[in-house]
Amino acid sequence: MNKTHNIKKRSTKNWELRNIQITHNLMEYNSFDKIKSVNNTNCVRLHFGLQGSYDFSFAQLNSSFTLSGHHNNIMYTDGLEIEVSNKSKKIETFGINFNTETFIEIGQNGNEPLKKFTEKAINRKNAILSSEWKTNNFKIQQVINEIINCKYQNELRDLFLLSKSIELLVLQAELYEQQTSNQFIRTKKDTQKLIEAKEILTNKIDNPPTIIELSKLIGINEYKLKRGFKELFGTTIFGYIHGIRMSSAKRLLLGTDKTAQEIAYEIGYSSPQHFSKAFKNTFGVSPNSIKNNPNSTI
């Protein structure tokens, strides 16, 4: 049973495929409270936190976690009983639920962490991939954005979403295979500051702060900011800015009536020529060619 009087606004988007369900939830709360949820679904869930903070209690695993945006993990449950206590007024999550048999077919051919997890699913043992929730890196965030902004219809849509769901699983398996010893960023406080830095860059992509300015905004020195950002998100600060700009440009070119020149200025380029060169270097084609031929492949 869900407790809903605490919810001010709820935005949910669902994609239903054969043996896979994808959900994107944005919850705005009136206050801080606990919400219990129980169901009998047998599935494997790829769970991604995108923004907000909450405490998460998982009865089947006898485990509790304190989570904030930009985290991920994989869970298997033969039935589900969870309790969520929101610690922020807005929480955004994204998830992919695989039918257990479908997941087993894929997961048993994965790397070592994925094989061990899949073995538990085969034996119907409630499981979580790791007790340590990893931070969403740039590649993971890009794929999530591609799914949320999917423009395909019918059979092509299903094929696209299936391929991106498997891609997310591969990226998670890779992330959890990486060694965590000798990490440069060791404290939750520093991790949270770097997540804040990423959010600032995302919200100001048209005019991002310099590294010096960003360092002062989040209260961390420049060296730790640059090295920690790359460690946590798998790309440099400049690489992140470039990637977000290019992803936004492609989405605007394909999904709006805006010209390439308008898009160039909107995402922060000083001239359409610089934007066109950067876009072509990234995708191999010019922005105008995409605008004039939206069915071309990039």
C-alpha atoms as a PDB file:
ATOM      1  CA  MET A   1       0.000   0.000   0.000  1.00  0.00           C
ATOM      2  CA  ASN A   2       1.348   3.421  -0.954  1.00  0.00           C
ATOM      3  CA  LYS A   3       0.990   6.491   1.219  1.00  0.00           C
ATOM      4  CA  THR A   4       0.195   9.350  -1.183  1.00  0.00           C
ATOM      5  CA  HIS A   5      -1.007  12.375   0.840  1.00  0.00           C
ATOM      6  CA  ASN A   6       2.592  13.539   1.159  1.00  0.00           C
ATOM      7  CA  ILE A   7       2.985  13.785  -2.637  1.00  0.00           C
ATOM      8  CA  LYS A   8       2.468  17.275  -4.047  1.00  0.00           C
ATOM      9  CA  LYS A   9       3.115  16.417  -7.687  1.00  0.00           C
ATOM     10  CA  ARG A  10       3.957  13.228  -9.522  1.00  0.00           C
ATOM     11  CA  SER A  11       5.181  12.856 -13.087  1.00  0.00           C
ATOM     12  CA  THR A  12       5.575   9.308 -14.388  1.00  0.00           C
ATOM     13  CA  LYS A  13       6.540   8.077 -17.811  1.00  0.00           C
ATOM     14  CA  ASN A  14       6.370   4.373 -18.680  1.00  0.00           C
ATOM     15  CA  TRP A  15       7.567   2.312 -21.608  1.00  0.00           C
ATOM     16  CA  GLU A  16       6.197  -1.235 -21.870  1.00  0.00           C
ATOM     17  CA  LEU A  17       8.134  -3.794 -23.880  1.00  0.00           C
ATOM     18  CA  ARG A  18       7.857  -7.544 -23.992  1.00  0.00           C
ATOM     19  CA  ASN A  19       9.529  -8.750 -20.767  1.00  0.00           C
ATOM     20  CA  ILE A  20      10.878  -5.259 -19.933  1.00  0.00           C
ATOM     21  CA  GLN A  21       9.284  -2.240 -18.245  1.00  0.00           C
ATOM     22  CA  ILE A  22      11.000   1.162 -18.123  1.00  0.00           C
ATOM     23  CA  THR A  23       9.901   3.953 -15.757  1.00  0.00           C
ATOM     24  CA  HIS A  24      10.930   7.559 -15.185  1.00  0.00           C
ATOM     25  CA  ASN A  25       9.514   9.158 -12.015  1.00  0.00           C
ATOM     26  CA  LEU A  26       9.692  12.702 -10.730  1.00  0.00           C
ATOM     27  CA  MET A  27       8.117  13.190  -7.290  1.00  0.00           C
ATOM     28  CA  GLU A  28       7.547  16.480  -5.480  1.00  0.00           C
ATOM     29  CA  TYR A  29       6.626  16.191  -1.795  1.00  0.00           C
ATOM     30  CA  ASN A  30       4.730  18.421   0.606  1.00  0.00           C
ATOM     31  CA  SER A  31       6.788  17.313   3.604  1.00  0.00           C
ATOM     32  CA  PHE A  32       9.268  14.711   4.828  1.00  0.00           C
ATOM     33  CA  ASP A  33       7.674  11.350   5.534  1.00  0.00           C
ATOM     34  CA  LYS A  34       7.895   7.578   5.062  1.00  0.00           C
ATOM     35  CA  ILE A  35       6.217   5.721   2.219  1.00  0.00           C
ATOM     36  CA  LYS A  36       5.851   1.941   2.256  1.00  0.00           C
ATOM     37  CA  SER A  37       5.429  -0.082  -0.904  1.00  0.00           C
ATOM     38  CA  VAL A  38       4.637  -3.802  -1.231  1.00  0.00           C
ATOM     39  CA  ASN A  39       4.113  -5.931  -4.335  1.00  0.00           C
ATOM     40  CA  ASN A  40       4.660  -9.519  -5.457  1.00  0.00           C
ATOM     41  CA  THR A  41       6.591  -8.789  -8.648  1.00  0.00           C
ATOM     42  CA  ASN A  42       9.396 -11.172  -9.535  1.00  0.00           C
ATOM     43  CA  CYS A  43      11.922  -9.147 -11.519  1.00  0.00           C
ATOM     44  CA  VAL A  44      15.438  -7.708 -11.773  1.00  0.00           C
ATOM     45  CA  ARG A  45      15.544  -3.918 -11.483  1.00  0.00           C
ATOM     46  CA  LEU A  46      18.245  -1.595 -12.720  1.00  0.00           C
ATOM     47  CA  HIS A  47      17.702   1.398 -10.425  1.00  0.00           C
ATOM     48  CA  PHE A  48      19.082   4.892 -11.010  1.00  0.00           C
ATOM     49  CA  GLY A  49      18.725   7.933  -8.782  1.00  0.00           C
ATOM     50  CA  LEU A  50      18.873  11.165 -10.788  1.00  0.00           C
ATOM     51  CA  GLN A  51      18.198  13.813  -8.147  1.00  0.00           C
ATOM     52  CA  GLY A  52      17.087  14.141  -4.542  1.00  0.00           C
ATOM     53  CA  SER A  53      17.985  12.394  -1.288  1.00  0.00           C
ATOM     54  CA  TYR A  54      16.195   9.596   0.540  1.00  0.00           C
ATOM     55  CA  ASP A  55      16.617   6.707   2.968  1.00  0.00           C
ATOM     56  CA  PHE A  56      15.781   3.363   1.431  1.00  0.00           C
ATOM     57  CA  SER A  57      14.952   0.256   3.499  1.00  0.00           C
ATOM     58  CA  PHE A  58      14.788  -3.125   1.727  1.00  0.00           C
ATOM     59  CA  ALA A  59      13.000  -5.740   3.876  1.00  0.00           C
ATOM     60  CA  GLN A  60      13.931  -8.786   1.758  1.00  0.00           C
ATOM     61  CA  LEU A  61      17.638  -7.985   2.122  1.00  0.00           C
ATOM     62  CA  ASN A  62      17.383  -6.728   5.688  1.00  0.00           C
ATOM     63  CA  SER A  63      19.292  -3.673   4.459  1.00  0.00           C
ATOM     64  CA  SER A  64      18.999   0.104   4.629  1.00  0.00           C
ATOM     65  CA  PHE A  65      20.728   2.734   2.498  1.00  0.00           C
ATOM     66  CA  THR A  66      21.049   6.518   2.571  1.00  0.00           C
ATOM     67  CA  LEU A  67      21.037   7.677  -1.033  1.00  0.00           C
ATOM     68  CA  SER A  68      21.319  10.909  -2.983  1.00  0.00           C
ATOM     69  CA  GLY A  69      20.975  11.701  -6.683  1.00  0.00           C
ATOM     70  CA  HIS A  70      23.308  10.201  -9.321  1.00  0.00           C
ATOM     71  CA  HIS A  71      23.473   6.663  -7.898  1.00  0.00           C
ATOM     72  CA  ASN A  72      22.707   3.199  -9.273  1.00  0.00           C
ATOM     73  CA  ASN A  73      22.509  -0.489  -8.405  1.00  0.00           C
ATOM     74  CA  ILE A  74      20.834  -3.711  -9.549  1.00  0.00           C
ATOM     75  CA  MET A  75      18.342  -5.614  -7.404  1.00  0.00           C
ATOM     76  CA  TYR A  76      16.570  -8.950  -7.691  1.00  0.00           C
ATOM     77  CA  THR A  77      13.418  -9.545  -5.671  1.00  0.00           C
ATOM     78  CA  ASP A  78      10.927 -12.354  -5.518  1.00  0.00           C
ATOM     79  CA  GLY A  79       8.342 -10.010  -4.073  1.00  0.00           C
ATOM     80  CA  LEU A  80       9.095  -6.550  -2.743  1.00  0.00           C
ATOM     81  CA  GLU A  81       8.666  -4.668   0.520  1.00  0.00           C
ATOM     82  CA  ILE A  82      10.427  -1.308   0.749  1.00  0.00           C
ATOM     83  CA  GLU A  83      10.196   1.825   2.853  1.00  0.00           C
ATOM     84  CA  VAL A  84      11.350   5.180   1.486  1.00  0.00           C
ATOM     85  CA  SER A  85      11.865   8.290   3.631  1.00  0.00           C
ATOM     86  CA  ASN A  86      12.308  11.360   1.463  1.00  0.00           C
ATOM     87  CA  LYS A  87      14.986  13.788   2.686  1.00  0.00           C
ATOM     88  CA  SER A  88      14.429  16.330  -0.085  1.00  0.00           C
ATOM     89  CA  LYS A  89      11.257  17.828  -1.532  1.00  0.00           C
ATOM     90  CA  LYS A  90      12.016  16.528  -5.034  1.00  0.00           C
ATOM     91  CA  ILE A  91      13.182  13.042  -6.028  1.00  0.00           C
ATOM     92  CA  GLU A  92      13.789  11.807  -9.572  1.00  0.00           C
ATOM     93  CA  THR A  93      14.433   8.148 -10.348  1.00  0.00           C
ATOM     94  CA  PHE A  94      14.761   5.973 -13.430  1.00  0.00           C
ATOM     95  CA  GLY A  95      14.437   2.212 -13.575  1.00  0.00           C
ATOM     96  CA  ILE A  96      14.367  -0.784 -15.868  1.00  0.00           C
ATOM     97  CA  ASN A  97      12.552  -3.926 -14.705  1.00  0.00           C
ATOM     98  CA  PHE A  98      13.625  -7.081 -16.538  1.00  0.00           C
ATOM     99  CA  ASN A  99      11.527 -10.216 -16.472  1.00  0.00           C
ATOM    100  CA  THR A 100      13.724 -12.575 -14.427  1.00  0.00           C
ATOM    101  CA  GLU A 101      14.099 -15.218 -17.153  1.00  0.00           C
ATOM    102  CA  THR A 102      14.988 -12.543 -19.721  1.00  0.00           C
ATOM    103  CA  PHE A 103      17.611 -11.078 -17.401  1.00  0.00           C
ATOM    104  CA  ILE A 104      19.121 -14.506 -16.668  1.00  0.00           C
ATOM    105  CA  GLU A 105      19.617 -15.161 -20.395  1.00  0.00           C
ATOM    106  CA  ILE A 106      21.598 -11.917 -20.661  1.00  0.00           C
ATOM    107  CA  GLY A 107      23.319 -11.754 -17.288  1.00  0.00           C
ATOM    108  CA  GLN A 108      24.833 -15.231 -17.224  1.00  0.00           C
ATOM    109  CA  ASN A 109      27.029 -14.179 -20.155  1.00  0.00           C
ATOM    110  CA  GLY A 110      28.308 -11.045 -18.396  1.00  0.00           C
ATOM    111  CA  ASN A 111      31.415 -10.272 -16.359  1.00  0.00           C
ATOM    112  CA  GLU A 112      32.172 -11.737 -12.918  1.00  0.00           C
ATOM    113  CA  PRO A 113      30.006  -9.374 -10.792  1.00  0.00           C
ATOM    114  CA  LEU A 114      27.065  -9.897 -13.140  1.00  0.00           C
ATOM    115  CA  LYS A 115      27.484 -13.687 -13.230  1.00  0.00           C
ATOM    116  CA  LYS A 116      27.503 -13.888  -9.423  1.00  0.00           C
ATOM    117  CA  PHE A 117      24.382 -11.728  -9.218  1.00  0.00           C
ATOM    118  CA  THR A 118      22.647 -13.743 -11.954  1.00  0.00           C
ATOM    119  CA  GLU A 119      23.375 -16.978 -10.085  1.00  0.00           C
ATOM    120  CA  LYS A 120      21.361 -15.652  -7.139  1.00  0.00           C
ATOM    121  CA  ALA A 121      18.481 -14.778  -9.446  1.00  0.00           C
ATOM    122  CA  ILE A 122      18.597 -18.295 -10.923  1.00  0.00           C
ATOM    123  CA  ASN A 123      18.284 -19.700  -7.390  1.00  0.00           C
ATOM    124  CA  ARG A 124      15.516 -17.202  -6.552  1.00  0.00           C
ATOM    125  CA  LYS A 125      17.530 -15.540  -3.766  1.00  0.00           C
ATOM    126  CA  ASN A 126      16.769 -11.872  -3.127  1.00  0.00           C
ATOM    127  CA  ALA A 127      19.948  -9.982  -3.989  1.00  0.00           C
ATOM    128  CA  ILE A 128      21.593  -6.641  -4.670  1.00  0.00           C
ATOM    129  CA  LEU A 129      24.592  -6.348  -6.978  1.00  0.00           C
ATOM    130  CA  SER A 130      26.654  -4.475  -4.377  1.00  0.00           C
ATOM    131  CA  SER A 131      26.168  -2.995  -0.926  1.00  0.00           C
ATOM    132  CA  GLU A 132      28.017   0.050  -2.295  1.00  0.00           C
ATOM    133  CA  TRP A 133      25.850   2.166  -4.590  1.00  0.00           C
ATOM    134  CA  LYS A 134      27.984   3.552  -7.416  1.00  0.00           C
ATOM    135  CA  THR A 135      27.730   7.045  -8.876  1.00  0.00           C
ATOM    136  CA  ASN A 136      26.192   7.381 -12.351  1.00  0.00           C
ATOM    137  CA  ASN A 137      28.995   8.170 -14.769  1.00  0.00           C
ATOM    138  CA  PHE A 138      28.622  10.292 -17.887  1.00  0.00           C
ATOM    139  CA  LYS A 139      27.986   7.337 -20.217  1.00  0.00           C
ATOM    140  CA  ILE A 140      25.163   6.065 -18.009  1.00  0.00           C
ATOM    141  CA  GLN A 141      23.556   9.497 -17.839  1.00  0.00           C
ATOM    142  CA  GLN A 142      23.777   9.852 -21.628  1.00  0.00           C
ATOM    143  CA  VAL A 143      21.959   6.559 -22.243  1.00  0.00           C
ATOM    144  CA  ILE A 144      19.243   7.440 -19.714  1.00  0.00           C
ATOM    145  CA  ASN A 145      18.731  10.787 -21.481  1.00  0.00           C
ATOM    146  CA  GLU A 146      18.504   9.012 -24.848  1.00  0.00           C
ATOM    147  CA  ILE A 147      15.767   6.740 -23.501  1.00  0.00           C
ATOM    148  CA  ILE A 148      13.813   9.588 -21.893  1.00  0.00           C
ATOM    149  CA  ASN A 149      13.979  11.599 -25.141  1.00  0.00           C
ATOM    150  CA  CYS A 150      13.312   8.660 -27.479  1.00  0.00           C
ATOM    151  CA  LYS A 151      11.544   9.833 -30.668  1.00  0.00           C
ATOM    152  CA  TYR A 152      11.083   6.460 -32.357  1.00  0.00           C
ATOM    153  CA  GLN A 153       7.659   4.865 -32.735  1.00  0.00           C
ATOM    154  CA  ASN A 154       6.238   1.340 -32.812  1.00  0.00           C
ATOM    155  CA  GLU A 155       8.684  -1.507 -33.621  1.00  0.00           C
ATOM    156  CA  LEU A 156      11.705   0.790 -33.977  1.00  0.00           C
ATOM    157  CA  ARG A 157      10.945   2.298 -30.585  1.00  0.00           C
ATOM    158  CA  ASP A 158      10.881  -1.137 -28.953  1.00  0.00           C
ATOM    159  CA  LEU A 159      14.129  -2.158 -30.656  1.00  0.00           C
ATOM    160  CA  PHE A 160      15.810   1.096 -29.597  1.00  0.00           C
ATOM    161  CA  LEU A 161      14.645   0.799 -25.976  1.00  0.00           C
ATOM    162  CA  LEU A 162      15.704  -2.850 -25.799  1.00  0.00           C
ATOM    163  CA  SER A 163      19.190  -2.044 -27.089  1.00  0.00           C
ATOM    164  CA  LYS A 164      19.561   0.899 -24.681  1.00  0.00           C
ATOM    165  CA  SER A 165      18.338  -1.191 -21.731  1.00  0.00           C
ATOM    166  CA  ILE A 166      21.009  -3.791 -22.433  1.00  0.00           C
ATOM    167  CA  GLU A 167      23.580  -1.023 -22.911  1.00  0.00           C
ATOM    168  CA  LEU A 168      22.755   0.340 -19.456  1.00  0.00           C
ATOM    169  CA  LEU A 169      23.172  -3.137 -17.986  1.00  0.00           C
ATOM    170  CA  VAL A 170      26.590  -3.445 -19.651  1.00  0.00           C
ATOM    171  CA  LEU A 171      27.663  -0.020 -18.351  1.00  0.00           C
ATOM    172  CA  GLN A 172      26.599  -0.947 -14.819  1.00  0.00           C
ATOM    173  CA  ALA A 173      28.403  -4.293 -14.981  1.00  0.00           C
ATOM    174  CA  GLU A 174      31.547  -2.494 -16.152  1.00  0.00           C
ATOM    175  CA  LEU A 175      31.222   0.115 -13.403  1.00  0.00           C
ATOM    176  CA  TYR A 176      30.910  -2.488 -10.646  1.00  0.00           C
ATOM    177  CA  GLU A 177      33.887  -4.470 -11.936  1.00  0.00           C
ATOM    178  CA  GLN A 178      36.217  -1.497 -11.509  1.00  0.00           C
ATOM    179  CA  GLN A 179      38.486  -1.585  -8.485  1.00  0.00           C
ATOM    180  CA  THR A 180      37.571   0.846  -5.720  1.00  0.00           C
ATOM    181  CA  SER A 181      40.854   0.754  -3.784  1.00  0.00           C
ATOM    182  CA  ASN A 182      43.084   3.843  -3.692  1.00  0.00           C
ATOM    183  CA  GLN A 183      40.272   6.141  -4.780  1.00  0.00           C
ATOM    184  CA  PHE A 184      41.148   9.797  -4.829  1.00  0.00           C
ATOM    185  CA  ILE A 185      37.715  10.840  -3.535  1.00  0.00           C
ATOM    186  CA  ARG A 186      37.202   9.042  -0.235  1.00  0.00           C
ATOM    187  CA  THR A 187      34.476  10.900   1.673  1.00  0.00           C
ATOM    188  CA  LYS A 188      30.747  11.291   1.113  1.00  0.00           C
ATOM    189  CA  LYS A 189      31.158  15.031   1.622  1.00  0.00           C
ATOM    190  CA  ASP A 190      33.571  15.331  -1.311  1.00  0.00           C
ATOM    191  CA  THR A 191      31.375  13.075  -3.431  1.00  0.00           C
ATOM    192  CA  GLN A 192      28.363  15.274  -2.726  1.00  0.00           C
ATOM    193  CA  LYS A 193      30.330  18.395  -3.642  1.00  0.00           C
ATOM    194  CA  LEU A 194      31.315  16.859  -6.971  1.00  0.00           C
ATOM    195  CA  ILE A 195      27.698  15.894  -7.660  1.00  0.00           C
ATOM    196  CA  GLU A 196      26.788  19.504  -6.916  1.00  0.00           C
ATOM    197  CA  ALA A 197      29.453  20.626  -9.402  1.00  0.00           C
ATOM    198  CA  LYS A 198      27.929  18.394 -12.069  1.00  0.00           C
ATOM    199  CA  GLU A 199      24.453  19.805 -11.413  1.00  0.00           C
ATOM    200  CA  ILE A 200      25.757  23.375 -11.658  1.00  0.00           C
ATOM    201  CA  LEU A 201      27.359  22.607 -15.017  1.00  0.00           C
ATOM    202  CA  THR A 202      24.195  20.933 -16.296  1.00  0.00           C
ATOM    203  CA  ASN A 203      21.997  23.861 -15.279  1.00  0.00           C
ATOM    204  CA  LYS A 204      24.396  26.454 -16.722  1.00  0.00           C
ATOM    205  CA  ILE A 205      25.502  24.614 -19.848  1.00  0.00           C
ATOM    206  CA  ASP A 206      24.942  27.740 -21.960  1.00  0.00           C
ATOM    207  CA  ASN A 207      27.373  29.719 -19.777  1.00  0.00           C
ATOM    208  CA  PRO A 208      29.213  27.330 -17.455  1.00  0.00           C
ATOM    209  CA  PRO A 209      31.476  28.669 -14.710  1.00  0.00           C
ATOM    210  CA  THR A 210      35.238  28.377 -15.083  1.00  0.00           C
ATOM    211  CA  ILE A 211      37.058  25.751 -13.037  1.00  0.00           C
ATOM    212  CA  ILE A 212      38.196  28.496 -10.657  1.00  0.00           C
ATOM    213  CA  GLU A 213      34.605  29.746 -10.263  1.00  0.00           C
ATOM    214  CA  LEU A 214      33.215  26.231  -9.890  1.00  0.00           C
ATOM    215  CA  SER A 215      35.839  25.424  -7.277  1.00  0.00           C
ATOM    216  CA  LYS A 216      34.738  28.400  -5.196  1.00  0.00           C
ATOM    217  CA  LEU A 217      31.025  27.639  -5.650  1.00  0.00           C
ATOM    218  CA  ILE A 218      31.288  24.137  -4.193  1.00  0.00           C
ATOM    219  CA  GLY A 219      34.101  24.796  -1.715  1.00  0.00           C
ATOM    220  CA  ILE A 220      36.719  22.386  -3.007  1.00  0.00           C
ATOM    221  CA  ASN A 221      40.199  23.080  -4.382  1.00  0.00           C
ATOM    222  CA  GLU A 222      40.790  23.040  -8.140  1.00  0.00           C
ATOM    223  CA  TYR A 223      43.056  19.986  -8.133  1.00  0.00           C
ATOM    224  CA  LYS A 224      40.590  17.874  -6.191  1.00  0.00           C
ATOM    225  CA  LEU A 225      37.733  19.183  -8.348  1.00  0.00           C
ATOM    226  CA  LYS A 226      39.389  18.208 -11.636  1.00  0.00           C
ATOM    227  CA  ARG A 227      40.756  14.843 -10.522  1.00  0.00           C
ATOM    228  CA  GLY A 228      37.710  13.912  -8.469  1.00  0.00           C
ATOM    229  CA  PHE A 229      35.282  14.851 -11.245  1.00  0.00           C
ATOM    230  CA  LYS A 230      37.039  12.594 -13.734  1.00  0.00           C
ATOM    231  CA  GLU A 231      37.210   9.731 -11.230  1.00  0.00           C
ATOM    232  CA  LEU A 232      33.545   9.989 -10.296  1.00  0.00           C
ATOM    233  CA  PHE A 233      31.956  10.650 -13.691  1.00  0.00           C
ATOM    234  CA  GLY A 234      34.466   9.108 -16.106  1.00  0.00           C
ATOM    235  CA  THR A 235      35.167  12.319 -18.015  1.00  0.00           C
ATOM    236  CA  THR A 236      36.858  15.666 -17.540  1.00  0.00           C
ATOM    237  CA  ILE A 237      34.895  18.820 -16.743  1.00  0.00           C
ATOM    238  CA  PHE A 238      35.444  20.090 -20.285  1.00  0.00           C
ATOM    239  CA  GLY A 239      34.523  16.687 -21.688  1.00  0.00           C
ATOM    240  CA  TYR A 240      31.295  16.741 -19.693  1.00  0.00           C
ATOM    241  CA  ILE A 241      30.380  20.230 -20.935  1.00  0.00           C
ATOM    242  CA  HIS A 242      31.095  19.193 -24.518  1.00  0.00           C
ATOM    243  CA  GLY A 243      29.113  15.968 -24.209  1.00  0.00           C
ATOM    244  CA  ILE A 244      26.058  17.673 -22.727  1.00  0.00           C
ATOM    245  CA  ARG A 245      26.167  20.377 -25.396  1.00  0.00           C
ATOM    246  CA  MET A 246      26.388  17.857 -28.215  1.00  0.00           C
ATOM    247  CA  SER A 247      23.587  15.683 -26.781  1.00  0.00           C
ATOM    248  CA  SER A 248      21.380  18.756 -26.363  1.00  0.00           C
ATOM    249  CA  ALA A 249      22.208  19.955 -29.868  1.00  0.00           C
ATOM    250  CA  LYS A 250      21.279  16.623 -31.447  1.00  0.00           C
ATOM    251  CA  ARG A 251      18.007  16.497 -29.509  1.00  0.00           C
ATOM    252  CA  LEU A 252      17.094  20.084 -30.496  1.00  0.00           C
ATOM    253  CA  LEU A 253      18.015  19.549 -34.139  1.00  0.00           C
ATOM    254  CA  LEU A 254      15.857  16.438 -34.399  1.00  0.00           C
ATOM    255  CA  GLY A 255      13.004  17.457 -32.104  1.00  0.00           C
ATOM    256  CA  THR A 256      12.432  21.187 -32.636  1.00  0.00           C
ATOM    257  CA  ASP A 257      12.098  23.754 -35.418  1.00  0.00           C
ATOM    258  CA  LYS A 258      15.065  25.758 -34.171  1.00  0.00           C
ATOM    259  CA  THR A 259      17.826  26.523 -36.638  1.00  0.00           C
ATOM    260  CA  ALA A 260      21.399  25.378 -36.162  1.00  0.00           C
ATOM    261  CA  GLN A 261      22.353  28.992 -35.519  1.00  0.00           C
ATOM    262  CA  GLU A 262      19.718  29.376 -32.783  1.00  0.00           C
ATOM    263  CA  ILE A 263      20.822  26.118 -31.174  1.00  0.00           C
ATOM    264  CA  ALA A 264      24.481  27.178 -31.260  1.00  0.00           C
ATOM    265  CA  TYR A 265      23.780  30.264 -29.175  1.00  0.00           C
ATOM    266  CA  GLU A 266      21.321  28.442 -26.895  1.00  0.00           C
ATOM    267  CA  ILE A 267      23.868  25.841 -25.802  1.00  0.00           C
ATOM    268  CA  GLY A 268      26.645  28.367 -25.278  1.00  0.00           C
ATOM    269  CA  TYR A 269      28.706  28.656 -28.458  1.00  0.00           C
ATOM    270  CA  SER A 270      30.023  32.104 -29.360  1.00  0.00           C
ATOM    271  CA  SER A 271      29.509  31.500 -33.069  1.00  0.00           C
ATOM    272  CA  PRO A 272      27.585  29.048 -35.303  1.00  0.00           C
ATOM    273  CA  GLN A 273      30.871  28.217 -37.047  1.00  0.00           C
ATOM    274  CA  HIS A 274      32.460  26.952 -33.825  1.00  0.00           C
ATOM    275  CA  PHE A 275      29.330  24.940 -33.062  1.00  0.00           C
ATOM    276  CA  SER A 276      29.208  23.428 -36.554  1.00  0.00           C
ATOM    277  CA  LYS A 277      32.869  22.376 -36.346  1.00  0.00           C
ATOM    278  CA  ALA A 278      32.415  20.803 -32.887  1.00  0.00           C
ATOM    279  CA  PHE A 279      29.250  18.979 -33.989  1.00  0.00           C
ATOM    280  CA  LYS A 280      30.886  17.591 -37.129  1.00  0.00           C
ATOM    281  CA  ASN A 281      33.948  16.462 -35.167  1.00  0.00           C
ATOM    282  CA  THR A 282      31.632  14.616 -32.759  1.00  0.00           C
ATOM    283  CA  PHE A 283      29.081  13.070 -35.118  1.00  0.00           C
ATOM    284  CA  GLY A 284      30.819  13.166 -38.511  1.00  0.00           C
ATOM    285  CA  VAL A 285      28.114  15.299 -40.125  1.00  0.00           C
ATOM    286  CA  SER A 286      27.180  18.966 -40.001  1.00  0.00           C
ATOM    287  CA  PRO A 287      24.214  20.216 -37.961  1.00  0.00           C
ATOM    288  CA  ASN A 288      22.538  21.604 -41.096  1.00  0.00           C
ATOM    289  CA  SER A 289      22.697  18.215 -42.816  1.00  0.00           C
ATOM    290  CA  ILE A 290      20.888  16.661 -39.840  1.00  0.00           C
ATOM    291  CA  LYS A 291      18.309  19.438 -39.885  1.00  0.00           C
ATOM    292  CA  ASN A 292      17.681  18.956 -43.600  1.00  0.00           C
ATOM    293  CA  ASN A 293      17.764  15.166 -43.451  1.00  0.00           C
ATOM    294  CA  PRO A 294      16.494  14.026 -40.003  1.00  0.00           C
ATOM    295  CA  ASN A 295      16.393  10.370 -41.095  1.00  0.00           C
ATOM    296  CA  SER A 296      20.163  10.253 -41.515  1.00  0.00           C
ATOM    297  CA  THR A 297      22.089   8.203 -38.986  1.00  0.00           C
ATOM    298  CA  ILE A 298      24.389   9.763 -36.380  1.00  0.00           C
END
